[in-house]
Amino acid sequence: LVDCNVRQVTESEWDWAELVLLSGMIVQSDDFLSL
């Protein structure tokens, strides 16, 4: 789990992942789409 309000995702975490799963509210839409 990476809460982007706490820290950014690392490249090693991107490399590790087979599936990326996001959830959020409308107010988070800009970063949601960027992720």
PDB file of all heavy atoms in Angstrom:
ATOM      1  N   LEU A   1       0.838  -1.196   0.000  1.00  0.00           N
ATOM      2  CA  LEU A   1       0.000   0.000   0.000  1.00  0.00           C
ATOM      3  C   LEU A   1       0.875   1.249   0.000  1.00  0.00           C
ATOM      4  O   LEU A   1       1.790   1.371   0.815  1.00  0.00           O
ATOM      5  CB  LEU A   1      -0.900   0.007   1.242  1.00  0.00           C
ATOM      6  CG  LEU A   1      -1.677   1.294   1.511  1.00  0.00           C
ATOM      7  CD1 LEU A   1      -2.744   1.526   0.448  1.00  0.00           C
ATOM      8  CD2 LEU A   1      -2.316   1.253   2.896  1.00  0.00           C
ATOM      9  N   VAL A   2       0.562   2.165  -0.915  1.00  0.00           N
ATOM     10  CA  VAL A   2       1.224   3.471  -0.915  1.00  0.00           C
ATOM     11  C   VAL A   2       0.148   4.549  -0.864  1.00  0.00           C
ATOM     12  O   VAL A   2      -0.655   4.683  -1.785  1.00  0.00           O
ATOM     13  CB  VAL A   2       2.117   3.678  -2.157  1.00  0.00           C
ATOM     14  CG1 VAL A   2       2.722   5.089  -2.134  1.00  0.00           C
ATOM     15  CG2 VAL A   2       3.218   2.634  -2.217  1.00  0.00           C
ATOM     16  N   ASP A   3       0.129   5.282   0.223  1.00  0.00           N
ATOM     17  CA  ASP A   3      -0.738   6.445   0.360  1.00  0.00           C
ATOM     18  C   ASP A   3       0.064   7.640  -0.135  1.00  0.00           C
ATOM     19  O   ASP A   3       1.021   8.079   0.512  1.00  0.00           O
ATOM     20  CB  ASP A   3      -1.137   6.621   1.832  1.00  0.00           C
ATOM     21  CG  ASP A   3      -2.060   7.807   2.054  1.00  0.00           C
ATOM     22  OD1 ASP A   3      -2.234   8.625   1.131  1.00  0.00           O
ATOM     23  OD2 ASP A   3      -2.602   7.920   3.175  1.00  0.00           O
ATOM     24  N   CYS A   4      -0.324   8.178  -1.281  1.00  0.00           N
ATOM     25  CA  CYS A   4       0.449   9.268  -1.898  1.00  0.00           C
ATOM     26  C   CYS A   4       0.331  10.575  -1.130  1.00  0.00           C
ATOM     27  O   CYS A   4       1.029  11.546  -1.450  1.00  0.00           O
ATOM     28  CB  CYS A   4       0.020   9.455  -3.348  1.00  0.00           C
ATOM     29  SG  CYS A   4       0.378   8.017  -4.390  1.00  0.00           S
ATOM     30  N   ASN A   5      -0.521  10.617  -0.122  1.00  0.00           N
ATOM     31  CA  ASN A   5      -0.558  11.765   0.777  1.00  0.00           C
ATOM     32  C   ASN A   5       0.563  11.680   1.815  1.00  0.00           C
ATOM     33  O   ASN A   5       0.836  12.660   2.506  1.00  0.00           O
ATOM     34  CB  ASN A   5      -1.906  11.819   1.498  1.00  0.00           C
ATOM     35  CG  ASN A   5      -3.058  11.967   0.532  1.00  0.00           C
ATOM     36  OD1 ASN A   5      -3.309  13.049   0.028  1.00  0.00           O
ATOM     37  ND2 ASN A   5      -3.752  10.869   0.251  1.00  0.00           N
ATOM     38  N   VAL A   6       1.191  10.512   1.884  1.00  0.00           N
ATOM     39  CA  VAL A   6       2.279  10.285   2.823  1.00  0.00           C
ATOM     40  C   VAL A   6       3.625  10.279   2.104  1.00  0.00           C
ATOM     41  O   VAL A   6       4.592  10.898   2.543  1.00  0.00           O
ATOM     42  CB  VAL A   6       2.065   8.950   3.577  1.00  0.00           C
ATOM     43  CG1 VAL A   6       3.305   8.577   4.385  1.00  0.00           C
ATOM     44  CG2 VAL A   6       0.841   9.034   4.475  1.00  0.00           C
ATOM     45  N   ARG A   7       3.676   9.579   0.957  1.00  0.00           N
ATOM     46  CA  ARG A   7       4.919   9.501   0.184  1.00  0.00           C
ATOM     47  C   ARG A   7       4.623   9.109  -1.252  1.00  0.00           C
ATOM     48  O   ARG A   7       3.494   8.726  -1.586  1.00  0.00           O
ATOM     49  CB  ARG A   7       5.883   8.488   0.812  1.00  0.00           C
ATOM     50  CG  ARG A   7       5.391   7.049   0.751  1.00  0.00           C
ATOM     51  CD  ARG A   7       6.451   6.089   1.272  1.00  0.00           C
ATOM     52  NE  ARG A   7       6.019   4.694   1.204  1.00  0.00           N
ATOM     53  CZ  ARG A   7       6.125   3.913   0.116  1.00  0.00           C
ATOM     54  NH1 ARG A   7       6.639   4.402  -1.016  1.00  0.00           N
ATOM     55  NH2 ARG A   7       5.726   2.655   0.152  1.00  0.00           N
ATOM     56  N   GLN A   8       5.620   9.190  -2.105  1.00  0.00           N
ATOM     57  CA  GLN A   8       5.467   8.825  -3.508  1.00  0.00           C
ATOM     58  C   GLN A   8       5.772   7.334  -3.734  1.00  0.00           C
ATOM     59  O   GLN A   8       6.429   6.688  -2.919  1.00  0.00           O
ATOM     60  CB  GLN A   8       6.401   9.669  -4.381  1.00  0.00           C
ATOM     61  CG  GLN A   8       6.043  11.156  -4.379  1.00  0.00           C
ATOM     62  CD  GLN A   8       4.618  11.395  -4.868  1.00  0.00           C
ATOM     63  OE1 GLN A   8       4.246  11.007  -5.970  1.00  0.00           O
ATOM     64  NE2 GLN A   8       3.817  12.024  -4.026  1.00  0.00           N
ATOM     65  N   VAL A   9       5.306   6.818  -4.834  1.00  0.00           N
ATOM     66  CA  VAL A   9       5.594   5.433  -5.214  1.00  0.00           C
ATOM     67  C   VAL A   9       7.046   5.350  -5.687  1.00  0.00           C
ATOM     68  O   VAL A   9       7.508   6.209  -6.433  1.00  0.00           O
ATOM     69  CB  VAL A   9       4.669   4.971  -6.360  1.00  0.00           C
ATOM     70  CG1 VAL A   9       4.801   3.466  -6.577  1.00  0.00           C
ATOM     71  CG2 VAL A   9       3.228   5.359  -6.098  1.00  0.00           C
ATOM     72  N   THR A  10       7.751   4.301  -5.263  1.00  0.00           N
ATOM     73  CA  THR A  10       9.134   4.111  -5.715  1.00  0.00           C
ATOM     74  C   THR A  10       9.162   3.257  -6.982  1.00  0.00           C
ATOM     75  O   THR A  10       8.215   2.512  -7.261  1.00  0.00           O
ATOM     76  CB  THR A  10       9.979   3.416  -4.633  1.00  0.00           C
ATOM     77  OG1 THR A  10       9.469   2.089  -4.434  1.00  0.00           O
ATOM     78  CG2 THR A  10       9.910   4.184  -3.313  1.00  0.00           C
ATOM     79  N   GLU A  11      10.236   3.366  -7.724  1.00  0.00           N
ATOM     80  CA  GLU A  11      10.363   2.561  -8.947  1.00  0.00           C
ATOM     81  C   GLU A  11      10.401   1.069  -8.626  1.00  0.00           C
ATOM     82  O   GLU A  11       9.898   0.251  -9.393  1.00  0.00           O
ATOM     83  CB  GLU A  11      11.622   2.960  -9.733  1.00  0.00           C
ATOM     84  CG  GLU A  11      11.463   4.221 -10.556  1.00  0.00           C
ATOM     85  CD  GLU A  11      10.309   4.154 -11.558  1.00  0.00           C
ATOM     86  OE1 GLU A  11      10.062   3.061 -12.135  1.00  0.00           O
ATOM     87  OE2 GLU A  11       9.639   5.175 -11.763  1.00  0.00           O
ATOM     88  N   SER A  12      10.992   0.713  -7.492  1.00  0.00           N
ATOM     89  CA  SER A  12      11.036  -0.708  -7.132  1.00  0.00           C
ATOM     90  C   SER A  12       9.620  -1.235  -6.873  1.00  0.00           C
ATOM     91  O   SER A  12       9.314  -2.405  -7.161  1.00  0.00           O
ATOM     92  CB  SER A  12      11.923  -0.928  -5.905  1.00  0.00           C
ATOM     93  OG  SER A  12      11.401  -0.245  -4.774  1.00  0.00           O
ATOM     94  N   GLU A  13       8.732  -0.374  -6.342  1.00  0.00           N
ATOM     95  CA  GLU A  13       7.339  -0.785  -6.120  1.00  0.00           C
ATOM     96  C   GLU A  13       6.597  -0.919  -7.451  1.00  0.00           C
ATOM     97  O   GLU A  13       5.799  -1.847  -7.627  1.00  0.00           O
ATOM     98  CB  GLU A  13       6.643   0.227  -5.201  1.00  0.00           C
ATOM     99  CG  GLU A  13       7.104   0.091  -3.747  1.00  0.00           C
ATOM    100  CD  GLU A  13       6.697   1.258  -2.875  1.00  0.00           C
ATOM    101  OE1 GLU A  13       6.522   2.384  -3.396  1.00  0.00           O
ATOM    102  OE2 GLU A  13       6.560   1.046  -1.647  1.00  0.00           O
ATOM    103  N   TRP A  14       6.851   0.002  -8.378  1.00  0.00           N
ATOM    104  CA  TRP A  14       6.259  -0.152  -9.721  1.00  0.00           C
ATOM    105  C   TRP A  14       6.727  -1.467 -10.352  1.00  0.00           C
ATOM    106  O   TRP A  14       5.924  -2.207 -10.934  1.00  0.00           O
ATOM    107  CB  TRP A  14       6.672   1.013 -10.621  1.00  0.00           C
ATOM    108  CG  TRP A  14       6.000   2.337 -10.399  1.00  0.00           C
ATOM    109  CD1 TRP A  14       6.602   3.504 -10.052  1.00  0.00           C
ATOM    110  CD2 TRP A  14       4.601   2.647 -10.539  1.00  0.00           C
ATOM    111  NE1 TRP A  14       5.679   4.521  -9.953  1.00  0.00           N
ATOM    112  CE2 TRP A  14       4.449   4.025 -10.257  1.00  0.00           C
ATOM    113  CE3 TRP A  14       3.471   1.906 -10.861  1.00  0.00           C
ATOM    114  CZ2 TRP A  14       3.204   4.671 -10.297  1.00  0.00           C
ATOM    115  CZ3 TRP A  14       2.240   2.543 -10.911  1.00  0.00           C
ATOM    116  CH2 TRP A  14       2.106   3.902 -10.630  1.00  0.00           C
ATOM    117  N   ASP A  15       8.020  -1.749 -10.237  1.00  0.00           N
ATOM    118  CA  ASP A  15       8.569  -2.970 -10.852  1.00  0.00           C
ATOM    119  C   ASP A  15       7.967  -4.222 -10.222  1.00  0.00           C
ATOM    120  O   ASP A  15       7.723  -5.227 -10.902  1.00  0.00           O
ATOM    121  CB  ASP A  15      10.100  -3.003 -10.684  1.00  0.00           C
ATOM    122  CG  ASP A  15      10.796  -1.919 -11.502  1.00  0.00           C
ATOM    123  OD1 ASP A  15      10.168  -1.392 -12.458  1.00  0.00           O
ATOM    124  OD2 ASP A  15      11.946  -1.585 -11.179  1.00  0.00           O
ATOM    125  N   TRP A  16       7.743  -4.181  -8.923  1.00  0.00           N
ATOM    126  CA  TRP A  16       7.223  -5.341  -8.187  1.00  0.00           C
ATOM    127  C   TRP A  16       5.805  -5.689  -8.596  1.00  0.00           C
ATOM    128  O   TRP A  16       5.412  -6.857  -8.648  1.00  0.00           O
ATOM    129  CB  TRP A  16       7.294  -5.024  -6.693  1.00  0.00           C
ATOM    130  CG  TRP A  16       6.633  -6.009  -5.779  1.00  0.00           C
ATOM    131  CD1 TRP A  16       7.186  -7.146  -5.261  1.00  0.00           C
ATOM    132  CD2 TRP A  16       5.286  -5.946  -5.266  1.00  0.00           C
ATOM    133  NE1 TRP A  16       6.270  -7.797  -4.452  1.00  0.00           N
ATOM    134  CE2 TRP A  16       5.098  -7.082  -4.441  1.00  0.00           C
ATOM    135  CE3 TRP A  16       4.230  -5.052  -5.419  1.00  0.00           C
ATOM    136  CZ2 TRP A  16       3.900  -7.336  -3.781  1.00  0.00           C
ATOM    137  CZ3 TRP A  16       3.033  -5.303  -4.767  1.00  0.00           C
ATOM    138  CH2 TRP A  16       2.864  -6.428  -3.957  1.00  0.00           C
ATOM    139  N   ALA A  17       5.004  -4.681  -8.922  1.00  0.00           N
ATOM    140  CA  ALA A  17       3.564  -4.875  -9.096  1.00  0.00           C
ATOM    141  C   ALA A  17       3.201  -5.630 -10.372  1.00  0.00           C
ATOM    142  O   ALA A  17       3.723  -5.355 -11.450  1.00  0.00           O
ATOM    143  CB  ALA A  17       2.864  -3.514  -9.096  1.00  0.00           C
ATOM    144  N   GLU A  18       2.259  -6.570 -10.226  1.00  0.00           N
ATOM    145  CA  GLU A  18       1.622  -7.199 -11.385  1.00  0.00           C
ATOM    146  C   GLU A  18       0.283  -6.520 -11.691  1.00  0.00           C
ATOM    147  O   GLU A  18      -0.183  -6.537 -12.834  1.00  0.00           O
ATOM    148  CB  GLU A  18       1.393  -8.684 -11.114  1.00  0.00           C
ATOM    149  CG  GLU A  18       2.662  -9.488 -10.958  1.00  0.00           C
ATOM    150  CD  GLU A  18       2.365 -10.933 -10.612  1.00  0.00           C
ATOM    151  OE1 GLU A  18       1.746 -11.191  -9.563  1.00  0.00           O
ATOM    152  OE2 GLU A  18       2.767 -11.816 -11.412  1.00  0.00           O
ATOM    153  N   LEU A  19      -0.319  -5.955 -10.666  1.00  0.00           N
ATOM    154  CA  LEU A  19      -1.593  -5.251 -10.803  1.00  0.00           C
ATOM    155  C   LEU A  19      -1.543  -4.002  -9.942  1.00  0.00           C
ATOM    156  O   LEU A  19      -1.114  -4.041  -8.794  1.00  0.00           O
ATOM    157  CB  LEU A  19      -2.748  -6.150 -10.323  1.00  0.00           C
ATOM    158  CG  LEU A  19      -4.133  -5.492 -10.177  1.00  0.00           C
ATOM    159  CD1 LEU A  19      -4.702  -5.125 -11.548  1.00  0.00           C
ATOM    160  CD2 LEU A  19      -5.096  -6.408  -9.421  1.00  0.00           C
ATOM    161  N   VAL A  20      -1.977  -2.877 -10.521  1.00  0.00           N
ATOM    162  CA  VAL A  20      -2.081  -1.616  -9.777  1.00  0.00           C
ATOM    163  C   VAL A  20      -3.565  -1.339  -9.546  1.00  0.00           C
ATOM    164  O   VAL A  20      -4.355  -1.343 -10.495  1.00  0.00           O
ATOM    165  CB  VAL A  20      -1.431  -0.452 -10.544  1.00  0.00           C
ATOM    166  CG1 VAL A  20      -1.661   0.873  -9.811  1.00  0.00           C
ATOM    167  CG2 VAL A  20       0.064  -0.698 -10.728  1.00  0.00           C
ATOM    168  N   LEU A  21      -3.947  -1.110  -8.297  1.00  0.00           N
ATOM    169  CA  LEU A  21      -5.357  -0.891  -7.959  1.00  0.00           C
ATOM    170  C   LEU A  21      -5.499   0.444  -7.232  1.00  0.00           C
ATOM    171  O   LEU A  21      -4.822   0.695  -6.240  1.00  0.00           O
ATOM    172  CB  LEU A  21      -5.868  -2.033  -7.088  1.00  0.00           C
ATOM    173  CG  LEU A  21      -7.385  -2.191  -6.972  1.00  0.00           C
ATOM    174  CD1 LEU A  21      -7.757  -3.636  -6.682  1.00  0.00           C
ATOM    175  CD2 LEU A  21      -7.961  -1.291  -5.881  1.00  0.00           C
ATOM    176  N   LEU A  22      -6.378   1.313  -7.760  1.00  0.00           N
ATOM    177  CA  LEU A  22      -6.596   2.632  -7.181  1.00  0.00           C
ATOM    178  C   LEU A  22      -8.028   2.785  -6.704  1.00  0.00           C
ATOM    179  O   LEU A  22      -8.955   2.226  -7.302  1.00  0.00           O
ATOM    180  CB  LEU A  22      -6.339   3.741  -8.206  1.00  0.00           C
ATOM    181  CG  LEU A  22      -4.943   3.964  -8.751  1.00  0.00           C
ATOM    182  CD1 LEU A  22      -4.707   3.126  -9.986  1.00  0.00           C
ATOM    183  CD2 LEU A  22      -4.755   5.444  -9.092  1.00  0.00           C
ATOM    184  N   SER A  23      -8.206   3.587  -5.658  1.00  0.00           N
ATOM    185  CA  SER A  23      -9.530   3.984  -5.207  1.00  0.00           C
ATOM    186  C   SER A  23      -9.425   5.405  -4.689  1.00  0.00           C
ATOM    187  O   SER A  23      -8.378   5.824  -4.199  1.00  0.00           O
ATOM    188  CB  SER A  23     -10.033   3.051  -4.097  1.00  0.00           C
ATOM    189  OG  SER A  23     -11.318   3.449  -3.659  1.00  0.00           O
ATOM    190  N   GLY A  24     -10.515   6.169  -4.816  1.00  0.00           N
ATOM    191  CA  GLY A  24     -10.473   7.539  -4.332  1.00  0.00           C
ATOM    192  C   GLY A  24     -11.780   8.261  -4.572  1.00  0.00           C
ATOM    193  O   GLY A  24     -12.724   7.713  -5.163  1.00  0.00           O
ATOM    194  N   MET A  25     -11.813   9.510  -4.121  1.00  0.00           N
ATOM    195  CA  MET A  25     -12.993  10.353  -4.257  1.00  0.00           C
ATOM    196  C   MET A  25     -12.788  11.391  -5.356  1.00  0.00           C
ATOM    197  O   MET A  25     -11.677  11.567  -5.870  1.00  0.00           O
ATOM    198  CB  MET A  25     -13.297  11.024  -2.912  1.00  0.00           C
ATOM    199  CG  MET A  25     -13.665  10.029  -1.824  1.00  0.00           C
ATOM    200  SD  MET A  25     -14.026  10.796  -0.231  1.00  0.00           S
ATOM    201  CE  MET A  25     -12.378  11.080   0.392  1.00  0.00           C
ATOM    202  N   ILE A  26     -13.868  12.094  -5.702  1.00  0.00           N
ATOM    203  CA  ILE A  26     -13.809  13.072  -6.787  1.00  0.00           C
ATOM    204  C   ILE A  26     -12.737  14.118  -6.544  1.00  0.00           C
ATOM    205  O   ILE A  26     -12.025  14.527  -7.468  1.00  0.00           O
ATOM    206  CB  ILE A  26     -15.191  13.745  -6.981  1.00  0.00           C
ATOM    207  CG1 ILE A  26     -16.195  12.736  -7.547  1.00  0.00           C
ATOM    208  CG2 ILE A  26     -15.092  14.941  -7.913  1.00  0.00           C
ATOM    209  CD1 ILE A  26     -17.605  13.256  -7.668  1.00  0.00           C
ATOM    210  N   VAL A  27     -12.593  14.555  -5.300  1.00  0.00           N
ATOM    211  CA  VAL A  27     -11.628  15.603  -4.996  1.00  0.00           C
ATOM    212  C   VAL A  27     -10.195  15.149  -5.283  1.00  0.00           C
ATOM    213  O   VAL A  27      -9.294  15.972  -5.463  1.00  0.00           O
ATOM    214  CB  VAL A  27     -11.789  16.060  -3.528  1.00  0.00           C
ATOM    215  CG1 VAL A  27     -11.325  14.994  -2.564  1.00  0.00           C
ATOM    216  CG2 VAL A  27     -11.099  17.389  -3.285  1.00  0.00           C
ATOM    217  N   GLN A  28      -9.970  13.843  -5.372  1.00  0.00           N
ATOM    218  CA  GLN A  28      -8.640  13.301  -5.670  1.00  0.00           C
ATOM    219  C   GLN A  28      -8.442  13.024  -7.161  1.00  0.00           C
ATOM    220  O   GLN A  28      -7.455  12.412  -7.548  1.00  0.00           O
ATOM    221  CB  GLN A  28      -8.429  11.993  -4.894  1.00  0.00           C
ATOM    222  CG  GLN A  28      -8.437  12.128  -3.385  1.00  0.00           C
ATOM    223  CD  GLN A  28      -8.574  10.791  -2.682  1.00  0.00           C
ATOM    224  OE1 GLN A  28      -9.680  10.275  -2.513  1.00  0.00           O
ATOM    225  NE2 GLN A  28      -7.460  10.206  -2.271  1.00  0.00           N
ATOM    226  N   SER A  29      -9.351  13.469  -8.002  1.00  0.00           N
ATOM    227  CA  SER A  29      -9.372  13.039  -9.405  1.00  0.00           C
ATOM    228  C   SER A  29      -8.099  13.372 -10.175  1.00  0.00           C
ATOM    229  O   SER A  29      -7.650  12.574 -11.005  1.00  0.00           O
ATOM    230  CB  SER A  29     -10.585  13.633 -10.129  1.00  0.00           C
ATOM    231  OG  SER A  29     -10.560  15.044 -10.097  1.00  0.00           O
ATOM    232  N   ASP A  30      -7.491  14.538  -9.925  1.00  0.00           N
ATOM    233  CA  ASP A  30      -6.300  14.910 -10.696  1.00  0.00           C
ATOM    234  C   ASP A  30      -5.171  13.907 -10.494  1.00  0.00           C
ATOM    235  O   ASP A  30      -4.572  13.412 -11.460  1.00  0.00           O
ATOM    236  CB  ASP A  30      -5.830  16.319 -10.304  1.00  0.00           C
ATOM    237  CG  ASP A  30      -6.745  17.416 -10.850  1.00  0.00           C
ATOM    238  OD1 ASP A  30      -7.599  17.101 -11.709  1.00  0.00           O
ATOM    239  OD2 ASP A  30      -6.609  18.568 -10.411  1.00  0.00           O
ATOM    240  N   ASP A  31      -4.866  13.596  -9.241  1.00  0.00           N
ATOM    241  CA  ASP A  31      -3.778  12.645  -8.985  1.00  0.00           C
ATOM    242  C   ASP A  31      -4.203  11.226  -9.344  1.00  0.00           C
ATOM    243  O   ASP A  31      -3.369  10.407  -9.761  1.00  0.00           O
ATOM    244  CB  ASP A  31      -3.350  12.715  -7.521  1.00  0.00           C
ATOM    245  CG  ASP A  31      -1.991  12.070  -7.285  1.00  0.00           C
ATOM    246  OD1 ASP A  31      -1.074  12.337  -8.096  1.00  0.00           O
ATOM    247  OD2 ASP A  31      -1.836  11.303  -6.316  1.00  0.00           O
ATOM    248  N   PHE A  32      -5.479  10.930  -9.199  1.00  0.00           N
ATOM    249  CA  PHE A  32      -6.027   9.620  -9.574  1.00  0.00           C
ATOM    250  C   PHE A  32      -5.701   9.333 -11.045  1.00  0.00           C
ATOM    251  O   PHE A  32      -5.147   8.268 -11.391  1.00  0.00           O
ATOM    252  CB  PHE A  32      -7.540   9.653  -9.355  1.00  0.00           C
ATOM    253  CG  PHE A  32      -8.246   8.323  -9.393  1.00  0.00           C
ATOM    254  CD1 PHE A  32      -8.746   7.756  -8.229  1.00  0.00           C
ATOM    255  CD2 PHE A  32      -8.439   7.640 -10.587  1.00  0.00           C
ATOM    256  CE1 PHE A  32      -9.420   6.535  -8.252  1.00  0.00           C
ATOM    257  CE2 PHE A  32      -9.108   6.434 -10.618  1.00  0.00           C
ATOM    258  CZ  PHE A  32      -9.606   5.869  -9.458  1.00  0.00           C
ATOM    259  N   LEU A  33      -6.013  10.285 -11.913  1.00  0.00           N
ATOM    260  CA  LEU A  33      -5.777  10.103 -13.348  1.00  0.00           C
ATOM    261  C   LEU A  33      -4.288  10.085 -13.670  1.00  0.00           C
ATOM    262  O   LEU A  33      -3.836   9.336 -14.549  1.00  0.00           O
ATOM    263  CB  LEU A  33      -6.490  11.204 -14.141  1.00  0.00           C
ATOM    264  CG  LEU A  33      -8.018  11.259 -13.959  1.00  0.00           C
ATOM    265  CD1 LEU A  33      -8.607  12.441 -14.712  1.00  0.00           C
ATOM    266  CD2 LEU A  33      -8.677   9.959 -14.413  1.00  0.00           C
ATOM    267  N   SER A  34      -3.504  10.885 -12.946  1.00  0.00           N
ATOM    268  CA  SER A  34      -2.050  10.889 -13.163  1.00  0.00           C
ATOM    269  C   SER A  34      -1.430   9.545 -12.813  1.00  0.00           C
ATOM    270  O   SER A  34      -0.514   9.067 -13.498  1.00  0.00           O
ATOM    271  CB  SER A  34      -1.392  11.994 -12.322  1.00  0.00           C
ATOM    272  OG  SER A  34      -1.818  13.262 -12.737  1.00  0.00           O
ATOM    273  N   LEU A  35      -1.931   8.909 -11.744  1.00  0.00           N
ATOM    274  CA  LEU A  35      -1.397   7.606 -11.354  1.00  0.00           C
ATOM    275  C   LEU A  35      -1.749   6.525 -12.369  1.00  0.00           C
ATOM    276  O   LEU A  35      -0.951   5.608 -12.621  1.00  0.00           O
ATOM    277  CB  LEU A  35      -1.922   7.225  -9.965  1.00  0.00           C
ATOM    278  CG  LEU A  35      -1.333   8.016  -8.794  1.00  0.00           C
ATOM    279  CD1 LEU A  35      -2.115   7.747  -7.520  1.00  0.00           C
ATOM    280  CD2 LEU A  35       0.145   7.675  -8.597  1.00  0.00           C
TER     281      LEU A  35
END
